[in-house]
Amino acid sequence: MEGRAFGPTKFRVPVIGQGTWHLEEDDRRLAITTLRLGLDLDMTHIDTAELYDDGAVEQIVGEAIVGRRDDVFLVSKVLPQHATRQGTIEACEGSLQQQVIEHAVGPWDEQHRIATVAYAPLGSGRFPGPRTKGGRVLREIAIATAAKPEHTAENAAAADLSLTAREIARIDAAFPLGRRPRTLPTL
C-alpha cells in the first residue's frame, strides 16, 4: 500500500489506516481479528482515543497488536479537557497503563514537530465516506473504521482508487473551504 509522510514528521504511513471508534460495540474477538487483518493488508496506521469507551478500545487495540507493535504507527487522541501540555502527557501515561503504547511522548514532542489528525470520521455529516471516490478528497491519509473483516478488505482496496481532475474539481466545489470556526465543532 502506498505510504505518505505523516504531517511534518518523517514517518511514512499507509494512505488508508484503521479507525477504532465504536469498536467496543462489536464482538471483542471479531474486533481483534479485524484489526489484525488490516495489519496483514498493510493498514498499519491505527487511530484510537482515550475517549473510546473509557480506554476499553485501547485495550482491544493493545491485544490486537501483540507481537506486531513495531509494525504499527499508533495514533491516539486526547479529550478536549486534556488538550494542554500536561493534560496530554497525563493522557499518554493513561494509554501506557492500557499497554497500548510503550513510550511517553513528552520528550519526543519537545524535539519534533507534532502532526495532527482530524477528529471527524469520514462519512460524518456531509463529508464523503471512505469507500467512495469522494473519500479520497483529502489526498493524504484516510482512517476508516471497520467492524468486520470484509469491511477492512473494502477499506484497504480504497487505496487503489484514482480520481480524475474533473472529479477532484467536483468534490472541491461540493465541499469548499470556508472560514475557520472559532470554536471546536463537534459531531
Protein backbone atom coordinates (compact mmCIF):
# COMPACT_ATOMS: atom_id res chain seq x y z
CA MET A 1 0.00 0.00 0.00
CA GLU A 2 1.25 3.48 -0.79
CA GLY A 3 2.76 5.34 2.13
CA ARG A 4 2.91 9.09 2.71
CA ALA A 5 4.66 11.36 5.16
CA PHE A 6 2.59 11.92 8.29
CA GLY A 7 2.22 15.69 8.59
CA PRO A 8 5.55 17.39 9.29
CA THR A 9 7.07 14.17 10.65
CA LYS A 10 9.40 11.92 8.69
CA PHE A 11 7.26 8.87 9.39
CA ARG A 12 5.70 7.19 6.36
CA VAL A 13 2.28 5.72 6.97
CA PRO A 14 -0.17 3.92 4.67
CA VAL A 15 -2.74 6.08 2.89
CA ILE A 16 -5.53 4.03 4.46
CA GLY A 17 -5.42 3.48 8.20
CA GLN A 18 -7.68 1.77 10.70
CA GLY A 19 -10.08 3.67 12.92
CA THR A 20 -11.39 2.21 16.15
CA TRP A 21 -14.34 4.45 17.05
CA HIS A 22 -17.20 2.28 18.42
CA LEU A 23 -15.04 -0.84 18.17
CA GLU A 24 -16.06 -1.83 21.71
CA GLU A 25 -19.65 -2.29 20.50
CA ASP A 26 -18.68 -5.34 18.47
CA ASP A 27 -17.62 -8.82 19.49
CA ARG A 28 -14.15 -8.47 21.02
CA ARG A 29 -12.63 -11.46 19.18
CA LEU A 30 -14.05 -10.23 15.87
CA ALA A 31 -12.70 -6.72 16.52
CA ILE A 32 -9.22 -8.13 17.20
CA THR A 33 -9.39 -10.36 14.10
CA THR A 34 -10.48 -7.37 12.01
CA LEU A 35 -7.62 -5.18 13.24
CA ARG A 36 -5.11 -7.97 12.60
CA LEU A 37 -6.46 -8.46 9.07
CA GLY A 38 -5.95 -4.76 8.49
CA LEU A 39 -2.32 -5.14 9.56
CA ASP A 40 -1.97 -8.06 7.14
CA LEU A 41 -3.34 -5.76 4.40
CA ASP A 42 -0.65 -3.15 5.24
CA MET A 43 -3.09 -0.87 7.08
CA THR A 44 -0.52 -0.37 9.83
CA HIS A 45 -1.70 3.10 10.91
CA ILE A 46 -4.17 2.61 13.77
CA ASP A 47 -6.08 5.54 15.22
CA THR A 48 -7.67 5.33 18.67
CA ALA A 49 -8.52 7.67 21.56
CA GLU A 50 -8.75 7.67 25.31
CA LEU A 51 -12.39 8.69 24.89
CA TYR A 52 -13.40 5.44 23.22
CA ASP A 53 -15.27 3.60 25.98
CA ASP A 54 -13.00 4.98 28.71
CA GLY A 55 -9.92 3.25 27.37
CA ALA A 56 -11.55 -0.12 26.60
CA VAL A 57 -10.83 0.32 22.90
CA GLU A 58 -7.17 0.99 23.68
CA GLN A 59 -7.13 -2.39 25.44
CA ILE A 60 -8.61 -4.07 22.34
CA VAL A 61 -6.02 -2.38 20.13
CA GLY A 62 -3.26 -3.42 22.53
CA GLU A 63 -4.37 -7.04 22.33
CA ALA A 64 -4.65 -6.90 18.53
CA ILE A 65 -1.10 -5.64 18.04
CA VAL A 66 0.66 -8.03 20.44
CA GLY A 67 3.80 -9.25 18.70
CA ARG A 68 3.41 -6.65 15.93
CA ARG A 69 3.78 -3.38 17.84
CA ASP A 70 6.93 -2.38 15.96
CA ASP A 71 4.98 -2.60 12.67
CA VAL A 72 2.22 -0.24 13.84
CA PHE A 73 2.07 3.55 13.61
CA LEU A 74 -0.31 4.18 16.51
CA VAL A 75 -2.13 7.47 16.98
CA SER A 76 -4.25 8.32 19.98
CA LYS A 77 -6.29 11.43 20.60
CA VAL A 78 -6.85 13.18 23.91
CA LEU A 79 -10.09 14.54 25.31
CA PRO A 80 -10.62 18.31 24.86
CA GLN A 81 -10.24 18.78 28.63
CA HIS A 82 -6.77 17.19 28.36
CA ALA A 83 -5.66 19.37 25.44
CA THR A 84 -2.85 21.06 27.34
CA ARG A 85 0.79 20.07 27.54
CA GLN A 86 0.39 18.50 30.98
CA GLY A 87 -3.02 17.02 30.15
CA THR A 88 -1.62 15.40 27.02
CA ILE A 89 1.26 13.87 28.96
CA GLU A 90 -1.16 12.52 31.58
CA ALA A 91 -3.45 11.10 28.87
CA CYS A 92 -0.46 9.37 27.27
CA GLU A 93 0.52 7.95 30.65
CA GLY A 94 -3.02 6.56 30.88
CA SER A 95 -2.54 4.93 27.48
CA LEU A 96 0.74 3.50 28.76
CA GLN A 97 -1.21 1.87 31.58
CA GLN A 98 -3.56 0.35 28.99
CA GLN A 99 -0.39 -1.20 27.49
CA VAL A 100 -1.14 0.24 24.06
CA ILE A 101 1.88 2.48 23.74
CA GLU A 102 5.32 1.81 25.11
CA HIS A 103 6.82 5.29 25.06
CA ALA A 104 5.69 8.58 26.56
CA VAL A 105 5.61 11.43 24.07
CA GLY A 106 6.62 14.32 26.32
CA PRO A 107 10.36 14.32 25.49
CA TRP A 108 9.62 13.41 21.88
CA ASP A 109 7.29 16.35 21.25
CA GLU A 110 9.87 18.80 22.57
CA GLN A 111 12.33 17.72 19.89
CA HIS A 112 9.97 17.20 16.95
CA ARG A 113 7.19 18.97 15.17
CA ILE A 114 3.81 17.46 16.03
CA ALA A 115 1.49 16.10 13.35
CA THR A 116 -2.24 16.40 13.88
CA VAL A 117 -5.12 14.11 12.96
CA ALA A 118 -8.66 15.18 12.07
CA TYR A 119 -11.12 14.01 14.66
CA ALA A 120 -14.22 13.85 12.44
CA PRO A 121 -14.77 10.48 10.76
CA LEU A 122 -15.21 10.24 7.02
CA GLY A 123 -18.87 9.76 6.22
CA SER A 124 -19.99 12.10 9.03
CA GLY A 125 -22.41 14.84 8.14
CA ARG A 126 -21.92 15.87 4.51
CA PHE A 127 -18.36 14.56 4.22
CA PRO A 128 -17.85 11.59 1.85
CA GLY A 129 -17.33 8.10 3.21
CA PRO A 130 -14.03 6.20 2.79
CA ARG A 131 -15.50 3.64 0.41
CA THR A 132 -16.47 6.35 -2.11
CA LYS A 133 -14.23 8.15 -4.53
CA GLY A 134 -15.00 11.29 -2.56
CA GLY A 135 -13.32 9.69 0.42
CA ARG A 136 -10.01 10.43 -1.30
CA VAL A 137 -10.79 14.15 -1.27
CA LEU A 138 -8.14 14.67 1.40
CA ARG A 139 -5.46 13.31 -0.94
CA GLU A 140 -3.45 12.49 2.14
CA ILE A 141 -4.22 9.75 4.64
CA ALA A 142 -7.66 8.37 5.46
CA ILE A 143 -8.68 6.48 8.58
CA ALA A 144 -11.56 4.07 8.07
CA THR A 145 -13.35 2.21 10.83
CA ALA A 146 -14.43 -1.37 10.13
CA ALA A 147 -16.13 -3.79 12.47
CA LYS A 148 -15.93 -6.80 10.17
CA PRO A 149 -13.09 -8.31 8.14
CA GLU A 150 -14.93 -7.79 4.84
CA HIS A 151 -15.21 -4.07 5.54
CA THR A 152 -11.49 -3.91 6.32
CA ALA A 153 -10.73 -5.51 2.94
CA GLU A 154 -13.00 -2.93 1.22
CA ASN A 155 -11.25 -0.11 3.05
CA ALA A 156 -7.82 -1.40 2.01
CA ALA A 157 -8.99 -1.58 -1.61
CA ALA A 158 -9.86 2.13 -1.47
CA ALA A 159 -6.13 2.84 -1.70
CA ASP A 160 -6.33 1.83 -5.36
CA LEU A 161 -8.96 4.46 -6.24
CA SER A 162 -7.84 7.18 -8.59
CA LEU A 163 -9.65 10.45 -9.23
CA THR A 164 -9.64 12.45 -12.43
CA ALA A 165 -9.03 16.20 -12.34
CA ARG A 166 -12.73 16.68 -13.11
CA GLU A 167 -13.79 14.50 -10.17
CA ILE A 168 -11.47 16.39 -7.83
CA ALA A 169 -12.90 19.71 -9.05
CA ARG A 170 -16.44 18.47 -8.41
CA ILE A 171 -15.54 17.38 -4.89
CA ASP A 172 -13.79 20.67 -4.18
CA ALA A 173 -16.91 22.51 -5.39
CA ALA A 174 -19.19 20.37 -3.21
CA PHE A 175 -17.02 20.87 -0.11
CA PRO A 176 -15.47 24.35 -0.44
CA LEU A 177 -13.10 25.76 2.11
CA GLY A 178 -14.80 28.27 4.34
CA ARG A 179 -13.82 30.43 7.24
CA ARG A 180 -12.17 28.59 10.07
CA PRO A 181 -14.51 28.13 13.03
CA ARG A 182 -13.63 29.99 16.20
CA THR A 183 -14.57 27.04 18.39
CA LEU A 184 -14.03 23.33 18.01
CA PRO A 185 -17.19 21.95 16.39
CA THR A 186 -18.48 18.57 17.48
CA LEU A 187 -20.49 15.99 15.60
